[in-house]
Every structure is written in structure tokens, then in C-alpha cells.
Amino acid sequence: MSFSKEMALKVVFGDNEFYHNNTIFHLIAELNCPEILDRFWNNTTDEQEFKQHLQLKNTNGETCLHVAAKQQRGCCAERIIAQMFDMGADLNAQEDGTGNTILHIAVKNKDYELVEYLLEQSSSRNIENNDRLTPYQLAEQDNDLEIMDIFSKPLED
């Protein structure tokens, strides 16, 4: 199965300019379509190519996981991110321009459920964004005691 961005986007969205900046995986993340993602995965003939496409960034410098963390919340975000992670997406990818990981985004959005999930999956706590702030430092800056408490929980093996 070929993942021609132009072909897939034209079929799904016609000539809508917004969507030309995203891969089909960005759109799946934005629209929260795990069933479509499963169909792609179950019909792929090249897992390596599939995984490479999950790492691609749009013109905003976002991977599909960044889009999911920004557009979805709670269990919806967790579900699509977990699915993409299981398929090979990088939880620690940094967004161009900001340097934010999806953990930074979840902290900024006060998405406690997603923060907890990402920490359970061993997302890096120590990556600094372009402002030289880790996700925990963002929580400190916002005085978000609930997120700071989530970070203080011991990691489970």
C-alpha cells in the first residue's frame, strides 16, 4: 500500500488547502479515527514505511502525535496516541519552532489523564523545549499542583 500524501488527501478532502499541510496520519489524529488507522495498519505491506510516515511533520513542525495531543483530550487523546505509539510513533519527538514534546503539550493543556499515561509509557521528563523548560518546569510555572503531583509518583516497573 502506498502512502501518497497527495493522493490520500485529494480523495478524502478534495482541494481544501488546510489539509495539504498534513499527512493522512495527522488527519487521523485530528479527527480521532482509530478505526481508519487500524485499516491502514492491517493493510500495510511495509511496516517500516508506515512507521516512517508516523514520524513526518507538517508545515507547522508537528508530528501526528502533536496534533493528537492538541486536538484530543483525556481518554480520546490517550487512545489514539497509544495506538500510534504501538505502531511506531515517537513519544519524545519535538515540535519544530517550540521544541515541545507531547508531554509538554499535555502539561500546558492540563490534560491530567494524558500526562499520567505518557509518564507510564516512559516519555522523557527531561527534554527541554526551546524556552529551556521541561514539562515539569511548565507545571511549576503554572503552579499546577495536580500535574506536579503526577510527576512525583514513583514510576511503575
N, C-alpha and C. Protein backbone atom coordinates (compact mmCIF):
# COMPACT_ATOMS: atom_id res chain seq x y z
N MET A 1 0.85 -1.18 0.00
CA MET A 1 0.00 0.00 0.00
C MET A 1 0.89 1.23 0.00
N SER A 2 0.66 2.12 -0.90
CA SER A 2 1.44 3.35 -0.99
C SER A 2 0.76 4.44 -0.17
N PHE A 3 1.58 5.28 0.48
CA PHE A 3 1.05 6.34 1.32
C PHE A 3 1.25 7.69 0.65
N SER A 4 0.84 7.80 -0.60
CA SER A 4 0.98 9.06 -1.31
C SER A 4 0.11 10.11 -0.63
N LYS A 5 0.78 11.09 -0.05
CA LYS A 5 0.08 12.17 0.66
C LYS A 5 -0.92 12.85 -0.26
N GLU A 6 -0.46 13.22 -1.44
CA GLU A 6 -1.31 13.97 -2.36
C GLU A 6 -2.55 13.17 -2.73
N MET A 7 -2.36 11.89 -3.05
CA MET A 7 -3.49 11.07 -3.45
C MET A 7 -4.49 10.90 -2.30
N ALA A 8 -4.00 10.54 -1.13
CA ALA A 8 -4.89 10.30 0.01
C ALA A 8 -5.66 11.56 0.39
N LEU A 9 -4.97 12.69 0.42
CA LEU A 9 -5.62 13.93 0.82
C LEU A 9 -6.64 14.39 -0.21
N LYS A 10 -6.32 14.20 -1.48
CA LYS A 10 -7.24 14.61 -2.54
C LYS A 10 -8.52 13.76 -2.47
N VAL A 11 -8.35 12.46 -2.26
CA VAL A 11 -9.51 11.57 -2.19
C VAL A 11 -10.39 11.94 -1.00
N VAL A 12 -9.77 12.19 0.15
CA VAL A 12 -10.54 12.42 1.38
C VAL A 12 -11.06 13.84 1.47
N PHE A 13 -10.25 14.83 1.09
CA PHE A 13 -10.61 16.21 1.37
C PHE A 13 -10.67 17.14 0.15
N GLY A 14 -10.54 16.61 -1.04
CA GLY A 14 -10.59 17.46 -2.22
C GLY A 14 -9.46 18.47 -2.23
N ASP A 15 -9.78 19.72 -2.51
CA ASP A 15 -8.76 20.76 -2.62
C ASP A 15 -8.71 21.69 -1.42
N ASN A 16 -9.24 21.28 -0.30
CA ASN A 16 -9.20 22.11 0.91
C ASN A 16 -7.75 22.36 1.31
N GLU A 17 -7.31 23.61 1.25
CA GLU A 17 -5.91 23.99 1.45
C GLU A 17 -5.36 23.57 2.81
N PHE A 18 -6.15 23.65 3.85
CA PHE A 18 -5.67 23.31 5.19
C PHE A 18 -5.04 21.92 5.24
N TYR A 19 -5.66 20.99 4.58
CA TYR A 19 -5.24 19.60 4.69
C TYR A 19 -4.02 19.26 3.85
N HIS A 20 -3.60 20.15 2.99
CA HIS A 20 -2.41 19.88 2.19
C HIS A 20 -1.14 19.96 3.02
N ASN A 21 -1.22 20.47 4.22
CA ASN A 21 -0.05 20.58 5.08
C ASN A 21 0.11 19.39 6.01
N ASN A 22 -0.77 18.43 5.92
CA ASN A 22 -0.77 17.29 6.83
C ASN A 22 -0.71 15.98 6.07
N THR A 23 -0.17 14.95 6.74
CA THR A 23 -0.27 13.60 6.19
C THR A 23 -1.62 13.03 6.61
N ILE A 24 -1.94 11.90 6.06
CA ILE A 24 -3.19 11.25 6.45
C ILE A 24 -3.18 10.92 7.95
N PHE A 25 -1.99 10.69 8.51
CA PHE A 25 -1.89 10.36 9.93
C PHE A 25 -2.17 11.58 10.81
N HIS A 26 -1.79 12.76 10.35
CA HIS A 26 -2.15 13.99 11.07
C HIS A 26 -3.68 14.13 11.12
N LEU A 27 -4.31 13.83 10.01
CA LEU A 27 -5.77 13.96 9.93
C LEU A 27 -6.47 12.91 10.79
N ILE A 28 -5.94 11.70 10.80
CA ILE A 28 -6.50 10.66 11.66
C ILE A 28 -6.40 11.09 13.12
N ALA A 29 -5.28 11.69 13.49
CA ALA A 29 -5.09 12.17 14.86
C ALA A 29 -6.04 13.31 15.17
N GLU A 30 -6.17 14.25 14.25
CA GLU A 30 -7.04 15.40 14.47
C GLU A 30 -8.49 15.00 14.60
N LEU A 31 -8.92 14.09 13.75
CA LEU A 31 -10.33 13.69 13.72
C LEU A 31 -10.62 12.51 14.66
N ASN A 32 -9.58 11.97 15.29
CA ASN A 32 -9.70 10.84 16.21
C ASN A 32 -10.39 9.65 15.54
N CYS A 33 -9.71 9.09 14.56
CA CYS A 33 -10.26 7.99 13.77
C CYS A 33 -9.42 6.72 13.92
N PRO A 34 -9.46 6.08 15.10
CA PRO A 34 -8.63 4.89 15.29
C PRO A 34 -8.99 3.74 14.36
N GLU A 35 -10.25 3.66 13.95
CA GLU A 35 -10.65 2.58 13.05
C GLU A 35 -9.96 2.72 11.70
N ILE A 36 -9.83 3.95 11.21
CA ILE A 36 -9.14 4.17 9.93
C ILE A 36 -7.66 3.84 10.08
N LEU A 37 -7.07 4.23 11.20
CA LEU A 37 -5.67 3.91 11.45
C LEU A 37 -5.47 2.39 11.45
N ASP A 38 -6.37 1.67 12.09
CA ASP A 38 -6.29 0.20 12.09
C ASP A 38 -6.36 -0.35 10.67
N ARG A 39 -7.22 0.21 9.85
CA ARG A 39 -7.33 -0.26 8.46
C ARG A 39 -6.02 -0.07 7.72
N PHE A 40 -5.40 1.10 7.88
CA PHE A 40 -4.10 1.33 7.25
C PHE A 40 -3.09 0.30 7.74
N TRP A 41 -3.03 0.11 9.06
CA TRP A 41 -2.06 -0.81 9.66
C TRP A 41 -2.29 -2.24 9.18
N ASN A 42 -3.53 -2.67 9.18
CA ASN A 42 -3.85 -4.05 8.79
C ASN A 42 -3.64 -4.32 7.31
N ASN A 43 -3.58 -3.28 6.50
CA ASN A 43 -3.41 -3.45 5.06
C ASN A 43 -2.04 -3.02 4.56
N THR A 44 -1.15 -2.66 5.47
CA THR A 44 0.17 -2.23 5.03
C THR A 44 1.01 -3.43 4.61
N THR A 45 1.81 -3.22 3.61
CA THR A 45 2.75 -4.26 3.18
C THR A 45 4.17 -3.91 3.60
N ASP A 46 4.34 -2.71 4.14
CA ASP A 46 5.68 -2.25 4.52
C ASP A 46 5.60 -1.52 5.86
N GLU A 47 5.81 -2.27 6.95
CA GLU A 47 5.71 -1.68 8.29
C GLU A 47 6.72 -0.57 8.50
N GLN A 48 7.91 -0.71 7.92
CA GLN A 48 8.94 0.32 8.09
C GLN A 48 8.50 1.63 7.46
N GLU A 49 7.92 1.56 6.26
CA GLU A 49 7.41 2.76 5.60
C GLU A 49 6.29 3.39 6.43
N PHE A 50 5.43 2.55 6.96
CA PHE A 50 4.33 3.01 7.80
C PHE A 50 4.88 3.79 8.99
N LYS A 51 5.87 3.22 9.68
CA LYS A 51 6.47 3.86 10.85
C LYS A 51 7.13 5.18 10.48
N GLN A 52 7.78 5.21 9.32
CA GLN A 52 8.41 6.46 8.87
C GLN A 52 7.37 7.55 8.66
N HIS A 53 6.22 7.18 8.12
CA HIS A 53 5.17 8.16 7.89
C HIS A 53 4.59 8.70 9.20
N LEU A 54 4.61 7.90 10.25
CA LEU A 54 4.14 8.37 11.55
C LEU A 54 5.06 9.45 12.12
N GLN A 55 6.30 9.51 11.66
CA GLN A 55 7.27 10.49 12.17
C GLN A 55 7.26 11.80 11.37
N LEU A 56 6.59 11.82 10.23
CA LEU A 56 6.62 13.01 9.38
C LEU A 56 5.97 14.21 10.07
N LYS A 57 6.52 15.38 9.78
CA LYS A 57 5.99 16.62 10.35
C LYS A 57 5.27 17.41 9.28
N ASN A 58 4.23 18.11 9.70
CA ASN A 58 3.51 19.00 8.80
C ASN A 58 4.26 20.33 8.70
N THR A 59 3.69 21.30 8.00
CA THR A 59 4.39 22.58 7.84
C THR A 59 4.45 23.37 9.14
N ASN A 60 3.70 22.96 10.16
CA ASN A 60 3.80 23.58 11.48
C ASN A 60 4.85 22.89 12.35
N GLY A 61 5.51 21.88 11.80
CA GLY A 61 6.54 21.16 12.55
C GLY A 61 5.99 20.15 13.53
N GLU A 62 4.75 19.72 13.34
CA GLU A 62 4.08 18.79 14.25
C GLU A 62 4.05 17.38 13.66
N THR A 63 4.31 16.39 14.51
CA THR A 63 4.04 15.02 14.12
C THR A 63 2.55 14.76 14.36
N CYS A 64 2.09 13.59 13.95
CA CYS A 64 0.68 13.24 14.19
C CYS A 64 0.38 13.20 15.69
N LEU A 65 1.37 12.84 16.51
CA LEU A 65 1.14 12.81 17.96
C LEU A 65 0.95 14.21 18.52
N HIS A 66 1.68 15.19 18.01
CA HIS A 66 1.48 16.58 18.46
C HIS A 66 0.05 17.02 18.16
N VAL A 67 -0.41 16.68 16.96
CA VAL A 67 -1.78 17.04 16.57
C VAL A 67 -2.78 16.37 17.50
N ALA A 68 -2.58 15.10 17.79
CA ALA A 68 -3.49 14.38 18.69
C ALA A 68 -3.52 15.01 20.08
N ALA A 69 -2.34 15.36 20.60
CA ALA A 69 -2.27 15.95 21.94
C ALA A 69 -2.92 17.32 21.99
N LYS A 70 -2.90 18.04 20.88
CA LYS A 70 -3.52 19.37 20.84
C LYS A 70 -5.02 19.31 20.60
N GLN A 71 -5.46 18.35 19.80
CA GLN A 71 -6.87 18.32 19.38
C GLN A 71 -7.75 17.42 20.25
N GLN A 72 -7.17 16.44 20.91
CA GLN A 72 -7.94 15.48 21.70
C GLN A 72 -7.62 15.69 23.19
N ARG A 73 -8.47 15.17 24.04
CA ARG A 73 -8.26 15.26 25.49
C ARG A 73 -8.58 13.93 26.14
N GLY A 74 -7.97 13.71 27.31
CA GLY A 74 -8.30 12.56 28.14
C GLY A 74 -8.18 11.23 27.43
N CYS A 75 -9.20 10.40 27.61
CA CYS A 75 -9.15 9.05 27.05
C CYS A 75 -9.12 9.05 25.53
N CYS A 76 -9.71 10.05 24.89
CA CYS A 76 -9.66 10.13 23.42
C CYS A 76 -8.22 10.36 22.96
N ALA A 77 -7.53 11.27 23.61
CA ALA A 77 -6.12 11.53 23.28
C ALA A 77 -5.29 10.29 23.57
N GLU A 78 -5.51 9.72 24.74
CA GLU A 78 -4.73 8.55 25.14
C GLU A 78 -4.91 7.40 24.15
N ARG A 79 -6.12 7.18 23.71
CA ARG A 79 -6.39 6.05 22.81
C ARG A 79 -5.67 6.20 21.49
N ILE A 80 -5.79 7.33 20.83
CA ILE A 80 -5.17 7.49 19.51
C ILE A 80 -3.65 7.57 19.63
N ILE A 81 -3.15 8.21 20.69
CA ILE A 81 -1.70 8.30 20.90
C ILE A 81 -1.14 6.91 21.21
N ALA A 82 -1.82 6.14 22.06
CA ALA A 82 -1.36 4.79 22.38
C ALA A 82 -1.32 3.93 21.12
N GLN A 83 -2.32 4.06 20.30
CA GLN A 83 -2.39 3.27 19.07
C GLN A 83 -1.23 3.64 18.15
N MET A 84 -0.98 4.93 17.97
CA MET A 84 0.11 5.38 17.10
C MET A 84 1.47 5.01 17.70
N PHE A 85 1.60 5.10 19.01
CA PHE A 85 2.84 4.71 19.69
C PHE A 85 3.10 3.22 19.47
N ASP A 86 2.08 2.39 19.64
CA ASP A 86 2.23 0.95 19.43
C ASP A 86 2.63 0.62 17.99
N MET A 87 2.28 1.50 17.07
CA MET A 87 2.62 1.31 15.66
C MET A 87 3.97 1.92 15.29
N GLY A 88 4.61 2.60 16.24
CA GLY A 88 5.96 3.10 15.98
C GLY A 88 6.17 4.59 16.08
N ALA A 89 5.16 5.36 16.45
CA ALA A 89 5.34 6.81 16.59
C ALA A 89 6.21 7.12 17.81
N ASP A 90 6.95 8.21 17.74
CA ASP A 90 7.92 8.60 18.77
C ASP A 90 7.28 9.55 19.78
N LEU A 91 7.11 9.08 21.02
CA LEU A 91 6.51 9.92 22.07
C LEU A 91 7.36 11.13 22.41
N ASN A 92 8.65 11.08 22.13
CA ASN A 92 9.56 12.15 22.52
C ASN A 92 9.93 13.08 21.37
N ALA A 93 9.25 12.96 20.24
CA ALA A 93 9.54 13.86 19.12
C ALA A 93 9.25 15.30 19.54
N GLN A 94 10.11 16.20 19.09
CA GLN A 94 9.94 17.61 19.44
C GLN A 94 9.37 18.38 18.25
N GLU A 95 8.43 19.22 18.57
CA GLU A 95 7.78 20.07 17.59
C GLU A 95 8.77 21.14 17.11
N ASP A 96 8.85 21.33 15.81
CA ASP A 96 9.68 22.40 15.27
C ASP A 96 9.12 23.74 15.75
N GLY A 97 9.99 24.68 15.99
CA GLY A 97 9.54 26.00 16.41
C GLY A 97 9.47 26.16 17.91
N THR A 98 8.80 25.22 18.61
CA THR A 98 8.65 25.32 20.06
C THR A 98 9.56 24.36 20.82
N GLY A 99 9.88 23.25 20.18
CA GLY A 99 10.64 22.21 20.86
C GLY A 99 9.81 21.38 21.82
N ASN A 100 8.49 21.58 21.81
CA ASN A 100 7.62 20.85 22.73
C ASN A 100 7.45 19.39 22.31
N THR A 101 7.45 18.52 23.31
CA THR A 101 7.05 17.13 23.12
C THR A 101 5.55 17.06 23.41
N ILE A 102 4.97 15.89 23.21
CA ILE A 102 3.54 15.79 23.54
C ILE A 102 3.33 15.86 25.05
N LEU A 103 4.35 15.54 25.83
CA LEU A 103 4.23 15.70 27.28
C LEU A 103 4.16 17.18 27.65
N HIS A 104 4.96 18.02 27.00
CA HIS A 104 4.85 19.47 27.22
C HIS A 104 3.43 19.95 26.90
N ILE A 105 2.89 19.47 25.77
CA ILE A 105 1.56 19.89 25.33
C ILE A 105 0.50 19.44 26.33
N ALA A 106 0.59 18.19 26.78
CA ALA A 106 -0.39 17.68 27.75
C ALA A 106 -0.34 18.49 29.05
N VAL A 107 0.86 18.86 29.49
CA VAL A 107 1.00 19.69 30.70
C VAL A 107 0.36 21.05 30.47
N LYS A 108 0.67 21.68 29.34
CA LYS A 108 0.09 23.00 29.03
C LYS A 108 -1.44 22.95 28.99
N ASN A 109 -1.97 21.85 28.45
CA ASN A 109 -3.42 21.69 28.32
C ASN A 109 -4.09 21.20 29.60
N LYS A 110 -3.28 20.96 30.63
CA LYS A 110 -3.80 20.43 31.90
C LYS A 110 -4.58 19.13 31.68
N ASP A 111 -4.06 18.31 30.77
CA ASP A 111 -4.68 17.03 30.45
C ASP A 111 -4.05 15.98 31.37
N TYR A 112 -4.57 15.92 32.59
CA TYR A 112 -4.00 15.08 33.63
C TYR A 112 -3.95 13.61 33.24
N GLU A 113 -5.00 13.14 32.61
CA GLU A 113 -5.05 11.74 32.20
C GLU A 113 -3.95 11.43 31.18
N LEU A 114 -3.77 12.32 30.23
CA LEU A 114 -2.74 12.10 29.21
C LEU A 114 -1.34 12.21 29.81
N VAL A 115 -1.13 13.16 30.71
CA VAL A 115 0.17 13.29 31.38
C VAL A 115 0.50 11.98 32.09
N GLU A 116 -0.46 11.45 32.83
CA GLU A 116 -0.23 10.21 33.56
C GLU A 116 0.10 9.06 32.61
N TYR A 117 -0.66 8.94 31.53
CA TYR A 117 -0.40 7.89 30.54
C TYR A 117 1.01 8.03 29.96
N LEU A 118 1.38 9.24 29.56
CA LEU A 118 2.69 9.44 28.93
C LEU A 118 3.83 9.10 29.89
N LEU A 119 3.68 9.45 31.14
CA LEU A 119 4.72 9.11 32.12
C LEU A 119 4.79 7.60 32.34
N GLU A 120 3.64 6.94 32.32
CA GLU A 120 3.63 5.47 32.44
C GLU A 120 4.33 4.81 31.26
N GLN A 121 4.31 5.47 30.11
CA GLN A 121 4.95 4.94 28.90
C GLN A 121 6.42 5.35 28.81
N SER A 122 6.93 5.95 29.86
CA SER A 122 8.33 6.39 29.92
C SER A 122 8.66 7.51 28.95
N SER A 123 7.70 8.41 28.71
CA SER A 123 8.02 9.63 27.97
C SER A 123 9.09 10.36 28.76
N SER A 124 10.02 10.97 28.06
CA SER A 124 11.11 11.64 28.76
C SER A 124 10.60 12.86 29.52
N ARG A 125 10.94 12.91 30.79
CA ARG A 125 10.59 14.04 31.65
C ARG A 125 11.60 15.17 31.50
N ASN A 126 12.74 14.88 30.88
CA ASN A 126 13.87 15.80 30.93
C ASN A 126 14.12 16.58 29.64
N ILE A 127 13.31 16.39 28.63
CA ILE A 127 13.52 17.12 27.39
C ILE A 127 13.09 18.57 27.59
N GLU A 128 13.98 19.48 27.24
CA GLU A 128 13.68 20.91 27.33
C GLU A 128 13.14 21.40 26.00
N ASN A 129 12.16 22.28 26.07
CA ASN A 129 11.66 22.91 24.85
C ASN A 129 12.57 24.09 24.49
N ASN A 130 12.19 24.87 23.50
CA ASN A 130 13.03 25.99 23.06
C ASN A 130 13.16 27.09 24.10
N ASP A 131 12.27 27.10 25.08
CA ASP A 131 12.38 28.04 26.21
C ASP A 131 13.21 27.44 27.34
N ARG A 132 13.81 26.28 27.07
CA ARG A 132 14.66 25.57 28.04
C ARG A 132 13.87 25.10 29.27
N LEU A 133 12.61 24.74 29.03
CA LEU A 133 11.74 24.26 30.11
C LEU A 133 11.37 22.80 29.88
N THR A 134 11.47 22.00 30.93
CA THR A 134 10.97 20.63 30.88
C THR A 134 9.46 20.68 31.13
N PRO A 135 8.75 19.58 30.87
CA PRO A 135 7.32 19.56 31.18
C PRO A 135 7.04 19.87 32.65
N TYR A 136 7.84 19.33 33.55
CA TYR A 136 7.63 19.61 34.98
C TYR A 136 7.80 21.10 35.28
N GLN A 137 8.79 21.72 34.68
CA GLN A 137 9.01 23.15 34.90
C GLN A 137 7.84 23.98 34.38
N LEU A 138 7.19 23.51 33.31
CA LEU A 138 5.97 24.19 32.83
C LEU A 138 4.88 24.11 33.90
N ALA A 139 4.73 22.94 34.50
CA ALA A 139 3.73 22.77 35.56
C ALA A 139 4.05 23.66 36.75
N GLU A 140 5.32 23.73 37.11
CA GLU A 140 5.75 24.62 38.21
C GLU A 140 5.43 26.07 37.88
N GLN A 141 5.73 26.46 36.66
CA GLN A 141 5.49 27.84 36.21
C GLN A 141 4.01 28.20 36.32
N ASP A 142 3.14 27.23 36.02
CA ASP A 142 1.69 27.45 36.11
C ASP A 142 1.14 27.14 37.50
N ASN A 143 2.01 26.73 38.40
CA ASN A 143 1.61 26.33 39.75
C ASN A 143 0.50 25.27 39.70
N ASP A 144 0.66 24.31 38.79
CA ASP A 144 -0.31 23.24 38.62
C ASP A 144 0.07 22.09 39.56
N LEU A 145 -0.49 22.13 40.75
CA LEU A 145 -0.14 21.16 41.79
C LEU A 145 -0.53 19.74 41.42
N GLU A 146 -1.63 19.60 40.68
CA GLU A 146 -2.07 18.26 40.30
C GLU A 146 -1.07 17.60 39.36
N ILE A 147 -0.59 18.34 38.38
CA ILE A 147 0.41 17.77 37.47
C ILE A 147 1.72 17.53 38.21
N MET A 148 2.10 18.45 39.07
CA MET A 148 3.33 18.26 39.84
C MET A 148 3.23 16.99 40.69
N ASP A 149 2.04 16.72 41.22
CA ASP A 149 1.81 15.51 42.00
C ASP A 149 1.93 14.26 41.11
N ILE A 150 1.40 14.33 39.91
CA ILE A 150 1.51 13.19 38.98
C ILE A 150 2.99 12.90 38.70
N PHE A 151 3.78 13.94 38.51
CA PHE A 151 5.21 13.76 38.25
C PHE A 151 5.93 13.17 39.46
N SER A 152 5.43 13.41 40.64
CA SER A 152 6.12 12.94 41.85
C SER A 152 5.83 11.47 42.17
N LYS A 153 4.84 10.89 41.50
CA LYS A 153 4.53 9.48 41.74
C LYS A 153 5.68 8.61 41.25
N PRO A 154 5.98 7.54 41.99
CA PRO A 154 7.07 6.65 41.54
C PRO A 154 6.69 5.95 40.24
N LEU A 155 7.69 5.73 39.41
CA LEU A 155 7.47 5.01 38.16
C LEU A 155 7.23 3.54 38.46
N GLU A 156 6.25 2.96 37.77
CA GLU A 156 5.97 1.54 37.95
C GLU A 156 6.82 0.74 36.97
N ASP A 157 7.27 -0.42 37.41
CA ASP A 157 8.07 -1.29 36.53
C ASP A 157 7.19 -2.19 35.72
